C-alpha atoms as a PDB file:
ATOM      1  CA  MET A   1      -6.981   6.167   2.161  1.00  0.00           C
ATOM      2  CA  ILE A   2      -3.614   5.656  -0.369  1.00  0.00           C
ATOM      3  CA  ASP A   3      -5.676   4.192  -3.310  1.00  0.00           C
ATOM      4  CA  ASN A   4      -1.958   4.505  -5.269  1.00  0.00           C
ATOM      5  CA  TRP A   5       0.181   1.555  -5.159  1.00  0.00           C
ATOM      6  CA  SER A   6       2.357   4.470  -6.083  1.00  0.00           C
ATOM      7  CA  GLN A   7       3.193   5.724  -2.804  1.00  0.00           C
ATOM      8  CA  VAL A   8       3.588   2.768  -1.365  1.00  0.00           C
ATOM      9  CA  TYR A   9       6.177   2.058  -4.347  1.00  0.00           C
ATOM     10  CA  ASP A  10       8.402   5.310  -4.181  1.00  0.00           C
ATOM     11  CA  PHE A  11       8.393   4.487  -0.301  1.00  0.00           C
ATOM     12  CA  TRP A  12       9.665   1.047  -0.377  1.00  0.00           C
ATOM     13  CA  PHE A  13      12.065   1.456  -3.651  1.00  0.00           C
ATOM     14  CA  GLY A  14      12.987   4.886  -4.034  1.00  0.00           C
ATOM     15  CA  GLU A  15      11.073   6.414  -6.570  1.00  0.00           C
ATOM     16  CA  PRO A  16      11.843   5.768 -10.027  1.00  0.00           C
ATOM     17  CA  GLY A  17      14.722   8.370 -11.494  1.00  0.00           C
ATOM     18  CA  SER A  18      16.110   9.231  -7.582  1.00  0.00           C
ATOM     19  CA  ILE A  19      19.716   7.030  -6.505  1.00  0.00           C
ATOM     20  CA  TYR A  20      17.658   4.485  -4.155  1.00  0.00           C
ATOM     21  CA  HIS A  21      15.733   2.907  -6.772  1.00  0.00           C
ATOM     22  CA  GLY A  22      16.839  -0.200  -7.620  1.00  0.00           C
ATOM     23  CA  GLU A  23      19.230  -0.344  -4.722  1.00  0.00           C
ATOM     24  CA  VAL A  24      18.686  -2.787  -1.689  1.00  0.00           C
ATOM     25  CA  ARG A  25      17.473  -0.333   1.164  1.00  0.00           C
ATOM     26  CA  ASP A  26      18.835  -0.947   4.909  1.00  0.00           C
ATOM     27  CA  PHE A  27      15.411  -0.116   6.371  1.00  0.00           C
ATOM     28  CA  TRP A  28      14.254  -3.518   4.441  1.00  0.00           C
ATOM     29  CA  PHE A  29      15.689  -5.742   6.971  1.00  0.00           C
ATOM     30  CA  GLY A  30      16.971  -3.544   9.854  1.00  0.00           C
ATOM     31  CA  GLY A  31      15.047  -1.065  10.158  1.00  0.00           C
ATOM     32  CA  GLY A  32      14.832  -1.269  14.037  1.00  0.00           C
ATOM     33  CA  ALA A  33      11.414  -0.364  16.563  1.00  0.00           C
ATOM     34  CA  GLU A  34      11.206   3.573  15.320  1.00  0.00           C
ATOM     35  CA  PHE A  35      11.105   2.392  11.352  1.00  0.00           C
ATOM     36  CA  ASP A  36       7.803  -0.729  12.295  1.00  0.00           C
ATOM     37  CA  GLU A  37       5.959   2.896  14.615  1.00  0.00           C
ATOM     38  CA  GLU A  38       6.317   4.644  10.919  1.00  0.00           C
ATOM     39  CA  ILE A  39       5.558   1.896   8.476  1.00  0.00           C
ATOM     40  CA  ALA A  40       1.959   1.135  11.608  1.00  0.00           C
ATOM     41  CA  GLY A  41       2.113   5.057  11.914  1.00  0.00           C
ATOM     42  CA  ARG A  42       1.705   5.477   7.517  1.00  0.00           C
ATOM     43  CA  PHE A  43       0.386   1.907   6.572  1.00  0.00           C
ATOM     44  CA  SER A  44      -1.265   0.463   9.204  1.00  0.00           C
ATOM     45  CA  GLU A  45      -4.777   1.591   6.403  1.00  0.00           C
ATOM     46  CA  THR A  46      -3.525   0.290   3.420  1.00  0.00           C
ATOM     47  CA  TYR A  47      -2.866  -2.835   5.581  1.00  0.00           C
ATOM     48  CA  ALA A  48      -6.564  -3.224   6.008  1.00  0.00           C
ATOM     49  CA  ASP A  49      -7.256  -2.317   2.717  1.00  0.00           C
ATOM     50  CA  ALA A  50      -5.018  -4.318   0.737  1.00  0.00           C
ATOM     51  CA  VAL A  51      -6.698  -7.259   3.615  1.00  0.00           C
ATOM     52  CA  ALA A  52     -10.133  -6.729   2.721  1.00  0.00           C
ATOM     53  CA  GLY A  53      -9.786  -7.149  -0.987  1.00  0.00           C
ATOM     54  CA  ARG A  54     -10.243  -3.260  -2.191  1.00  0.00           C
ATOM     55  CA  LEU A  55      -6.860  -2.950  -2.862  1.00  0.00           C
ATOM     56  CA  ASP A  56      -6.259  -5.690  -5.881  1.00  0.00           C
ATOM     57  CA  GLY A  57      -6.748  -2.934  -8.881  1.00  0.00           C
ATOM     58  CA  TRP A  58      -2.999  -2.323  -7.967  1.00  0.00           C
ATOM     59  CA  PHE A  59      -2.680  -5.150  -9.919  1.00  0.00           C
ATOM     60  CA  ALA A  60      -3.002  -3.413 -13.689  1.00  0.00           C
ATOM     61  CA  ASP A  61       0.259  -2.547 -12.780  1.00  0.00           C
ATOM     62  CA  PRO A  62       4.032  -5.785 -12.481  1.00  0.00           C
ATOM     63  CA  ARG A  63       5.025  -2.724  -9.642  1.00  0.00           C
ATOM     64  CA  GLY A  64       1.236  -2.531  -8.232  1.00  0.00           C
ATOM     65  CA  ALA A  65       1.089  -6.001  -7.515  1.00  0.00           C
ATOM     66  CA  VAL A  66       4.834  -6.051  -5.940  1.00  0.00           C
ATOM     67  CA  SER A  67       3.686  -3.131  -4.095  1.00  0.00           C
ATOM     68  CA  LEU A  68       0.818  -5.539  -2.840  1.00  0.00           C
ATOM     69  CA  ILE A  69       2.725  -7.871  -1.646  1.00  0.00           C
ATOM     70  CA  VAL A  70       5.082  -5.436   0.007  1.00  0.00           C
ATOM     71  CA  VAL A  71       2.015  -4.288   1.949  1.00  0.00           C
ATOM     72  CA  LEU A  72       0.738  -7.845   2.907  1.00  0.00           C
ATOM     73  CA  ASP A  73       4.332  -9.490   3.243  1.00  0.00           C
ATOM     74  CA  GLN A  74       6.347  -6.643   4.875  1.00  0.00           C
ATOM     75  CA  PHE A  75       4.617  -4.483   6.411  1.00  0.00           C
ATOM     76  CA  PRO A  76       2.258  -6.636   9.637  1.00  0.00           C
ATOM     77  CA  ARG A  77       6.216  -8.388   9.969  1.00  0.00           C
ATOM     78  CA  ASN A  78       7.058  -4.587  10.680  1.00  0.00           C
ATOM     79  CA  MET A  79       3.155  -3.482  12.146  1.00  0.00           C
ATOM     80  CA  PHE A  80       3.129  -6.298  14.046  1.00  0.00           C
ATOM     81  CA  ARG A  81       6.527  -8.072  15.162  1.00  0.00           C
ATOM     82  CA  GLY A  82       6.388 -10.316  18.365  1.00  0.00           C
ATOM     83  CA  ASP A  83       2.618 -10.722  17.307  1.00  0.00           C
ATOM     84  CA  PRO A  84       0.513 -13.387  14.724  1.00  0.00           C
ATOM     85  CA  ARG A  85      -0.523 -11.222  13.238  1.00  0.00           C
ATOM     86  CA  SER A  86       2.584 -10.663  11.527  1.00  0.00           C
ATOM     87  CA  PHE A  87       1.723 -13.915   9.507  1.00  0.00           C
ATOM     88  CA  GLU A  88      -2.196 -13.859   9.486  1.00  0.00           C
ATOM     89  CA  TYR A  89      -3.161 -13.209   6.079  1.00  0.00           C
ATOM     90  CA  ASP A  90       0.720 -14.842   4.669  1.00  0.00           C
ATOM     91  CA  HIS A  91      -1.300 -17.078   2.766  1.00  0.00           C
ATOM     92  CA  LEU A  92      -2.903 -13.783   1.417  1.00  0.00           C
ATOM     93  CA  ALA A  93       0.583 -12.952  -0.031  1.00  0.00           C
ATOM     94  CA  LEU A  94       1.294 -15.379  -1.157  1.00  0.00           C
ATOM     95  CA  ALA A  95      -2.347 -15.770  -3.502  1.00  0.00           C
ATOM     96  CA  ASN A  96      -0.698 -12.677  -4.658  1.00  0.00           C
ATOM     97  CA  ALA A  97       3.062 -13.768  -5.123  1.00  0.00           C
ATOM     98  CA  LYS A  98       1.621 -17.119  -7.427  1.00  0.00           C
ATOM     99  CA  LYS A  99      -0.269 -15.153  -8.880  1.00  0.00           C
ATOM    100  CA  LEU A 100       1.788 -11.916  -9.694  1.00  0.00           C
ATOM    101  CA  VAL A 101       5.146 -15.168 -10.474  1.00  0.00           C
ATOM    102  CA  ASP A 102       2.635 -16.339 -12.480  1.00  0.00           C
ATOM    103  CA  SER A 103       1.823 -13.908 -15.006  1.00  0.00           C
ATOM    104  CA  PRO A 104       5.046 -12.936 -17.562  1.00  0.00           C
ATOM    105  CA  SER A 105       5.343  -9.178 -16.760  1.00  0.00           C
ATOM    106  CA  HIS A 106       7.273 -10.195 -13.779  1.00  0.00           C
ATOM    107  CA  ARG A 107      10.243 -11.109 -15.338  1.00  0.00           C
ATOM    108  CA  ASP A 108      10.378  -7.664 -16.521  1.00  0.00           C
ATOM    109  CA  LEU A 109      10.549  -6.381 -13.189  1.00  0.00           C
ATOM    110  CA  MET A 110      13.745  -5.056 -11.260  1.00  0.00           C
ATOM    111  CA  THR A 111      16.083  -7.739  -9.144  1.00  0.00           C
ATOM    112  CA  VAL A 112      15.050  -6.111  -6.130  1.00  0.00           C
ATOM    113  CA  GLU A 113      10.883  -6.186  -6.940  1.00  0.00           C
ATOM    114  CA  LYS A 114      11.199  -9.455  -7.814  1.00  0.00           C
ATOM    115  CA  LEU A 115      12.751 -10.228  -4.088  1.00  0.00           C
ATOM    116  CA  PHE A 116       9.861  -9.238  -2.841  1.00  0.00           C
ATOM    117  CA  ALA A 117       7.829 -11.290  -4.765  1.00  0.00           C
ATOM    118  CA  TYR A 118       9.452 -14.218  -4.300  1.00  0.00           C
ATOM    119  CA  LEU A 119       9.772 -13.807  -0.343  1.00  0.00           C
ATOM    120  CA  PRO A 120       6.443 -14.996   0.595  1.00  0.00           C
ATOM    121  CA  TYR A 121       7.229 -18.412  -1.002  1.00  0.00           C
ATOM    122  CA  GLU A 122      10.199 -17.875   1.360  1.00  0.00           C
ATOM    123  CA  HIS A 123       7.572 -17.614   4.829  1.00  0.00           C
ATOM    124  CA  SER A 124       5.189 -20.996   3.541  1.00  0.00           C
ATOM    125  CA  GLU A 125       5.659 -23.552   5.774  1.00  0.00           C
ATOM    126  CA  ASN A 126       4.785 -25.681   3.257  1.00  0.00           C
ATOM    127  CA  MET A 127       6.975 -27.682   1.759  1.00  0.00           C
ATOM    128  CA  GLU A 128       6.302 -27.542  -1.910  1.00  0.00           C
ATOM    129  CA  ASP A 129       6.345 -23.773  -1.774  1.00  0.00           C
ATOM    130  CA  GLN A 130       9.745 -23.712  -0.649  1.00  0.00           C
ATOM    131  CA  ASN A 131      10.868 -25.134  -2.819  1.00  0.00           C
ATOM    132  CA  THR A 132       9.984 -23.498  -5.398  1.00  0.00           C
ATOM    133  CA  SER A 133      10.976 -20.352  -3.754  1.00  0.00           C
ATOM    134  CA  VAL A 134      14.812 -22.545  -3.590  1.00  0.00           C
ATOM    135  CA  SER A 135      13.920 -22.323  -7.263  1.00  0.00           C
ATOM    136  CA  LEU A 136      12.815 -18.685  -8.001  1.00  0.00           C
ATOM    137  CA  PHE A 137      16.177 -17.526  -6.020  1.00  0.00           C
ATOM    138  CA  VAL A 138      18.127 -19.599  -8.156  1.00  0.00           C
ATOM    139  CA  SER A 139      16.824 -18.132 -11.262  1.00  0.00           C
ATOM    140  CA  ILE A 140      16.814 -14.164  -9.971  1.00  0.00           C
ATOM    141  CA  ASP A 141      18.738 -12.366 -11.902  1.00  0.00           C
ATOM    142  CA  GLU A 142      22.720 -11.745 -11.322  1.00  0.00           C
ATOM    143  CA  HIS A 143      22.608  -9.592  -8.006  1.00  0.00           C
ATOM    144  CA  GLU A 144      25.731  -8.390  -5.283  1.00  0.00           C
ATOM    145  CA  GLN A 145      23.574 -10.287  -2.987  1.00  0.00           C
ATOM    146  CA  LYS A 146      21.860 -12.954  -5.123  1.00  0.00           C
ATOM    147  CA  GLN A 147      24.134 -16.035  -3.099  1.00  0.00           C
ATOM    148  CA  GLU A 148      22.913 -14.206  -0.185  1.00  0.00           C
ATOM    149  CA  TRP A 149      18.688 -14.331  -0.902  1.00  0.00           C
ATOM    150  CA  LEU A 150      19.728 -17.659  -1.934  1.00  0.00           C
ATOM    151  CA  ASP A 151      21.453 -19.066   1.336  1.00  0.00           C
ATOM    152  CA  TYR A 152      18.737 -17.691   3.475  1.00  0.00           C
ATOM    153  CA  ALA A 153      15.990 -19.301   1.049  1.00  0.00           C
ATOM    154  CA  VAL A 154      18.172 -22.645   1.412  1.00  0.00           C
ATOM    155  CA  GLU A 155      17.808 -22.361   4.815  1.00  0.00           C
ATOM    156  CA  HIS A 156      14.823 -21.477   5.008  1.00  0.00           C
ATOM    157  CA  ARG A 157      13.741 -24.832   3.442  1.00  0.00           C
ATOM    158  CA  ASP A 158      15.531 -27.324   5.368  1.00  0.00           C
ATOM    159  CA  ILE A 159      14.132 -26.185   8.570  1.00  0.00           C
ATOM    160  CA  ILE A 160      10.809 -26.814   6.866  1.00  0.00           C
ATOM    161  CA  GLU A 161      12.085 -30.172   5.428  1.00  0.00           C
ATOM    162  CA  ARG A 162      13.622 -30.620   9.227  1.00  0.00           C
ATOM    163  CA  PHE A 163      10.704 -29.533  11.061  1.00  0.00           C
ATOM    164  CA  GLY A 164       7.641 -29.145   8.683  1.00  0.00           C
ATOM    165  CA  ARG A 165       7.517 -25.144  10.707  1.00  0.00           C
ATOM    166  CA  PHE A 166       9.972 -22.540  11.913  1.00  0.00           C
ATOM    167  CA  PRO A 167      10.403 -23.486  14.989  1.00  0.00           C
ATOM    168  CA  HIS A 168      10.873 -19.881  15.617  1.00  0.00           C
ATOM    169  CA  ARG A 169       7.075 -18.842  15.389  1.00  0.00           C
ATOM    170  CA  ASN A 170       5.921 -21.702  18.030  1.00  0.00           C
ATOM    171  CA  PRO A 171       6.057 -19.378  20.653  1.00  0.00           C
ATOM    172  CA  ILE A 172       4.521 -16.601  18.773  1.00  0.00           C
ATOM    173  CA  LEU A 173       1.449 -19.078  18.373  1.00  0.00           C
ATOM    174  CA  GLY A 174       0.988 -20.379  20.466  1.00  0.00           C
ATOM    175  CA  ARG A 175       2.521 -23.929  19.152  1.00  0.00           C
ATOM    176  CA  VAL A 176       4.601 -26.125  21.943  1.00  0.00           C
ATOM    177  CA  ASN A 177       7.913 -27.268  20.739  1.00  0.00           C
ATOM    178  CA  THR A 178       8.364 -30.405  19.811  1.00  0.00           C
ATOM    179  CA  PRO A 179      12.076 -31.092  21.787  1.00  0.00           C
ATOM    180  CA  GLU A 180      13.835 -31.627  18.639  1.00  0.00           C
ATOM    181  CA  GLU A 181      12.604 -27.982  17.724  1.00  0.00           C
ATOM    182  CA  GLU A 182      13.356 -27.025  21.604  1.00  0.00           C
ATOM    183  CA  ALA A 183      17.296 -27.971  21.340  1.00  0.00           C
ATOM    184  CA  TRP A 184      16.801 -26.099  18.256  1.00  0.00           C
ATOM    185  CA  LEU A 185      16.123 -23.130  19.641  1.00  0.00           C
ATOM    186  CA  GLN A 186      18.112 -23.589  21.763  1.00  0.00           C
ATOM    187  CA  GLU A 187      21.444 -23.999  19.602  1.00  0.00           C
ATOM    188  CA  THR A 188      20.475 -20.795  17.434  1.00  0.00           C
ATOM    189  CA  ASP A 189      20.032 -17.386  17.887  1.00  0.00           C
ATOM    190  CA  GLN A 190      18.288 -17.452  14.746  1.00  0.00           C
ATOM    191  CA  ARG A 191      14.441 -15.449  15.112  1.00  0.00           C
ATOM    192  CA  PHE A 192      14.724 -14.082  10.884  1.00  0.00           C
ATOM    193  CA  GLY A 193      13.178 -10.281  12.037  1.00  0.00           C
ATOM    194  CA  THR A 194      10.233 -12.524  14.273  1.00  0.00           C
ATOM    195  CA  VAL A 195      10.718 -10.555  16.860  1.00  0.00           C
ATOM    196  CA  SER A 196      12.642  -6.781  18.084  1.00  0.00           C
ATOM    197  CA  GLU A 197      16.403  -7.342  18.737  1.00  0.00           C
ATOM    198  CA  ASP A 198      15.867  -6.104  22.582  1.00  0.00           C
ATOM    199  CA  ASP A 199      13.947  -9.646  23.463  1.00  0.00           C
ATOM    200  CA  ALA A 200      15.448 -11.739  21.321  1.00  0.00           C
ATOM    201  CA  ASP A 201      18.440 -10.675  23.342  1.00  0.00           C
ATOM    202  CA  LYS A 202      16.371 -12.074  26.269  1.00  0.00           C
END
């Protein structure tokens, strides 16, 4: 069992003092099947512990809090890509994100740490959370990829505003598309990483 948040933190953000620390990592949003398998192999027990509340003590440190959010929000999207379990505990990730964002200590986080603290808002199918997501990404520190992150936040918000849910999740969750959703899905190939690239091409 991984009981030290720094093991997750160093893996995801780079060890403090290394050339990777504070930098955008290629594997965050484009790791592929091999990376998904690595996450499952290294962190499946950690994920189970997080879901069970056994890692709540990580919140004693803001970076530990971000690490817990990564475990709850990002790791299942790798481990269970294309499976309903990808989103099963999004509510826990969001609850922890809200707790961190409400804490003054969150303002001292690095920009890339804030990115992952904010993503659970972007993943929510609740309109209020989506509006908060956009506000958070508007206010995030200046960064060369800030506009790209903000554009994604706006895109997610606009989808929820239009449909009340993410249509690209419907096949995974067994939800029936409305005619409008079906038309939209035919028009776009954007799936926000919910399926593998190979499956997305089918």
